[in-house]
Amino acid sequence: MLPRAFTAVIERNATFDGAFTTEPYETAWAGDARWFVHVLDATPGAEIEFGAQVSPESLTWCDHESRKATIKGKGMASIAVDLPGPWQRLSGTVRNGSVKVIMYLSLRG
């Protein structure tokens, strides 16, 4: 069987401030995943911290054991997620202002 790859745009030009979570995305077929967060615009001093969460049924959630990432101002960061499980979402917090972002979830299996 040929390996498959797919990249989903989870949020496009969305503005966040405070705590947030993205919509769930089914990842049961994937062997690994990578989240990308691109901050297009940020209020002065704003920073975003984010990490992956995993769920068995898309109703109850816990943090994935992968690391968290932080972006101060504009820029892009990613986190690798080994064994992403049946469902993924991104959870995070924006401090000291707001950010406008694009978020991608890239899957390979």
C-alpha atoms as a PDB file:
ATOM      1  CA  MET A   1       0.000   0.000   0.000  1.00  0.00           C
ATOM      2  CA  LEU A   2       1.330   3.420  -0.897  1.00  0.00           C
ATOM      3  CA  PRO A   3       1.778   5.893   1.935  1.00  0.00           C
ATOM      4  CA  ARG A   4      -0.740   8.715   1.975  1.00  0.00           C
ATOM      5  CA  ALA A   5      -0.314  12.342   2.901  1.00  0.00           C
ATOM      6  CA  PHE A   6      -2.838  15.136   3.354  1.00  0.00           C
ATOM      7  CA  THR A   7      -2.756  18.701   4.628  1.00  0.00           C
ATOM      8  CA  ALA A   8      -5.923  20.296   6.004  1.00  0.00           C
ATOM      9  CA  VAL A   9      -6.423  24.003   6.615  1.00  0.00           C
ATOM     10  CA  ILE A  10      -8.012  24.035  10.066  1.00  0.00           C
ATOM     11  CA  GLU A  11      -8.283  27.824  10.516  1.00  0.00           C
ATOM     12  CA  ARG A  12      -7.853  30.528   7.878  1.00  0.00           C
ATOM     13  CA  ASN A  13      -7.436  34.200   8.809  1.00  0.00           C
ATOM     14  CA  ALA A  14      -8.991  33.542  12.212  1.00  0.00           C
ATOM     15  CA  THR A  15      -8.374  35.959  15.070  1.00  0.00           C
ATOM     16  CA  PHE A  16      -7.832  34.599  18.587  1.00  0.00           C
ATOM     17  CA  ASP A  17      -7.438  36.186  22.010  1.00  0.00           C
ATOM     18  CA  GLY A  18      -7.410  34.278  25.291  1.00  0.00           C
ATOM     19  CA  ALA A  19      -7.924  30.510  25.419  1.00  0.00           C
ATOM     20  CA  PHE A  20      -8.985  28.635  22.271  1.00  0.00           C
ATOM     21  CA  THR A  21      -9.433  25.173  20.763  1.00  0.00           C
ATOM     22  CA  THR A  22      -9.877  24.272  17.102  1.00  0.00           C
ATOM     23  CA  GLU A  23     -12.554  22.027  15.657  1.00  0.00           C
ATOM     24  CA  PRO A  24     -11.701  18.301  15.903  1.00  0.00           C
ATOM     25  CA  TYR A  25     -10.146  16.534  12.927  1.00  0.00           C
ATOM     26  CA  GLU A  26     -10.250  12.747  12.365  1.00  0.00           C
ATOM     27  CA  THR A  27      -6.742  11.317  12.110  1.00  0.00           C
ATOM     28  CA  ALA A  28      -7.256   7.584  12.755  1.00  0.00           C
ATOM     29  CA  TRP A  29      -5.548   6.544   9.489  1.00  0.00           C
ATOM     30  CA  ALA A  30      -2.411   8.645  10.060  1.00  0.00           C
ATOM     31  CA  GLY A  31       0.821   7.369  11.576  1.00  0.00           C
ATOM     32  CA  ASP A  32       2.153  10.841  12.255  1.00  0.00           C
ATOM     33  CA  ALA A  33       1.005  14.424  12.086  1.00  0.00           C
ATOM     34  CA  ARG A  34       2.424  17.922  12.167  1.00  0.00           C
ATOM     35  CA  TRP A  35       0.647  21.113  13.184  1.00  0.00           C
ATOM     36  CA  PHE A  36       1.682  24.421  11.607  1.00  0.00           C
ATOM     37  CA  VAL A  37       0.591  27.770  13.034  1.00  0.00           C
ATOM     38  CA  HIS A  38       1.360  30.875  10.980  1.00  0.00           C
ATOM     39  CA  VAL A  39       0.742  34.186  12.728  1.00  0.00           C
ATOM     40  CA  LEU A  40      -0.101  36.686   9.986  1.00  0.00           C
ATOM     41  CA  ASP A  41      -0.694  39.646  12.269  1.00  0.00           C
ATOM     42  CA  ALA A  42      -0.389  40.322  15.978  1.00  0.00           C
ATOM     43  CA  THR A  43      -1.084  43.207  18.300  1.00  0.00           C
ATOM     44  CA  PRO A  44       2.104  44.574  19.913  1.00  0.00           C
ATOM     45  CA  GLY A  45       3.337  42.230  22.658  1.00  0.00           C
ATOM     46  CA  ALA A  46       0.971  39.367  21.744  1.00  0.00           C
ATOM     47  CA  GLU A  47       2.147  35.771  21.978  1.00  0.00           C
ATOM     48  CA  ILE A  48       0.446  32.461  21.258  1.00  0.00           C
ATOM     49  CA  GLU A  49       1.227  29.149  22.951  1.00  0.00           C
ATOM     50  CA  PHE A  50      -0.309  25.987  21.532  1.00  0.00           C
ATOM     51  CA  GLY A  51      -0.208  22.203  21.802  1.00  0.00           C
ATOM     52  CA  ALA A  52      -1.941  19.153  20.355  1.00  0.00           C
ATOM     53  CA  GLN A  53      -4.809  17.366  22.070  1.00  0.00           C
ATOM     54  CA  VAL A  54      -6.058  13.856  21.374  1.00  0.00           C
ATOM     55  CA  SER A  55      -9.437  12.163  21.818  1.00  0.00           C
ATOM     56  CA  PRO A  56     -10.785   8.623  21.354  1.00  0.00           C
ATOM     57  CA  GLU A  57     -14.219   9.823  20.154  1.00  0.00           C
ATOM     58  CA  SER A  58     -14.014  13.616  19.615  1.00  0.00           C
ATOM     59  CA  LEU A  59     -15.971  14.344  22.796  1.00  0.00           C
ATOM     60  CA  THR A  60     -13.454  14.108  25.626  1.00  0.00           C
ATOM     61  CA  TRP A  61      -9.924  15.468  25.272  1.00  0.00           C
ATOM     62  CA  CYS A  62      -6.499  15.259  26.847  1.00  0.00           C
ATOM     63  CA  ASP A  63      -3.137  16.805  26.004  1.00  0.00           C
ATOM     64  CA  HIS A  64      -0.949  14.841  23.598  1.00  0.00           C
ATOM     65  CA  GLU A  65       2.533  14.075  24.928  1.00  0.00           C
ATOM     66  CA  SER A  66       4.181  16.172  22.187  1.00  0.00           C
ATOM     67  CA  ARG A  67       5.801  19.482  23.118  1.00  0.00           C
ATOM     68  CA  LYS A  68       4.068  22.872  23.025  1.00  0.00           C
ATOM     69  CA  ALA A  69       5.222  25.810  20.891  1.00  0.00           C
ATOM     70  CA  THR A  70       5.170  29.575  21.379  1.00  0.00           C
ATOM     71  CA  ILE A  71       5.240  32.402  18.820  1.00  0.00           C
ATOM     72  CA  LYS A  72       5.850  36.022  19.876  1.00  0.00           C
ATOM     73  CA  GLY A  73       4.504  38.467  17.299  1.00  0.00           C
ATOM     74  CA  LYS A  74       4.416  37.372  13.642  1.00  0.00           C
ATOM     75  CA  GLY A  75       5.996  34.096  12.521  1.00  0.00           C
ATOM     76  CA  MET A  76       5.397  30.390  12.133  1.00  0.00           C
ATOM     77  CA  ALA A  77       6.023  27.341  14.332  1.00  0.00           C
ATOM     78  CA  SER A  78       5.174  23.668  14.113  1.00  0.00           C
ATOM     79  CA  ILE A  79       4.913  20.694  16.415  1.00  0.00           C
ATOM     80  CA  ALA A  80       5.353  17.054  15.410  1.00  0.00           C
ATOM     81  CA  VAL A  81       2.782  14.556  16.712  1.00  0.00           C
ATOM     82  CA  ASP A  82       3.770  10.872  16.706  1.00  0.00           C
ATOM     83  CA  LEU A  83       0.859   8.395  16.841  1.00  0.00           C
ATOM     84  CA  PRO A  84      -1.817  11.112  16.650  1.00  0.00           C
ATOM     85  CA  GLY A  85      -4.704   8.839  17.659  1.00  0.00           C
ATOM     86  CA  PRO A  86      -8.275   8.842  16.328  1.00  0.00           C
ATOM     87  CA  TRP A  87      -8.955  12.602  16.693  1.00  0.00           C
ATOM     88  CA  GLN A  88      -6.778  15.707  16.931  1.00  0.00           C
ATOM     89  CA  ARG A  89      -7.339  19.323  17.777  1.00  0.00           C
ATOM     90  CA  LEU A  90      -5.141  22.233  18.752  1.00  0.00           C
ATOM     91  CA  SER A  91      -5.493  23.983  22.091  1.00  0.00           C
ATOM     92  CA  GLY A  92      -3.763  27.131  23.220  1.00  0.00           C
ATOM     93  CA  THR A  93      -3.729  30.567  24.735  1.00  0.00           C
ATOM     94  CA  VAL A  94      -3.063  34.032  23.339  1.00  0.00           C
ATOM     95  CA  ARG A  95      -1.603  36.418  25.897  1.00  0.00           C
ATOM     96  CA  ASN A  96      -1.152  40.213  25.824  1.00  0.00           C
ATOM     97  CA  GLY A  97      -3.383  40.889  22.799  1.00  0.00           C
ATOM     98  CA  SER A  98      -4.698  39.049  19.755  1.00  0.00           C
ATOM     99  CA  VAL A  99      -3.283  37.204  16.749  1.00  0.00           C
ATOM    100  CA  LYS A 100      -4.570  36.498  13.232  1.00  0.00           C
ATOM    101  CA  VAL A 101      -3.553  33.003  12.135  1.00  0.00           C
ATOM    102  CA  ILE A 102      -3.666  30.228   9.586  1.00  0.00           C
ATOM    103  CA  MET A 103      -3.451  26.720  11.089  1.00  0.00           C
ATOM    104  CA  TYR A 104      -2.631  23.580   9.122  1.00  0.00           C
ATOM    105  CA  LEU A 105      -2.679  19.921  10.097  1.00  0.00           C
ATOM    106  CA  SER A 106      -0.452  17.765   7.895  1.00  0.00           C
ATOM    107  CA  LEU A 107      -0.994  13.987   8.104  1.00  0.00           C
ATOM    108  CA  ARG A 108       0.992  11.036   6.794  1.00  0.00           C
ATOM    109  CA  GLY A 109       0.158   7.377   7.033  1.00  0.00           C
END
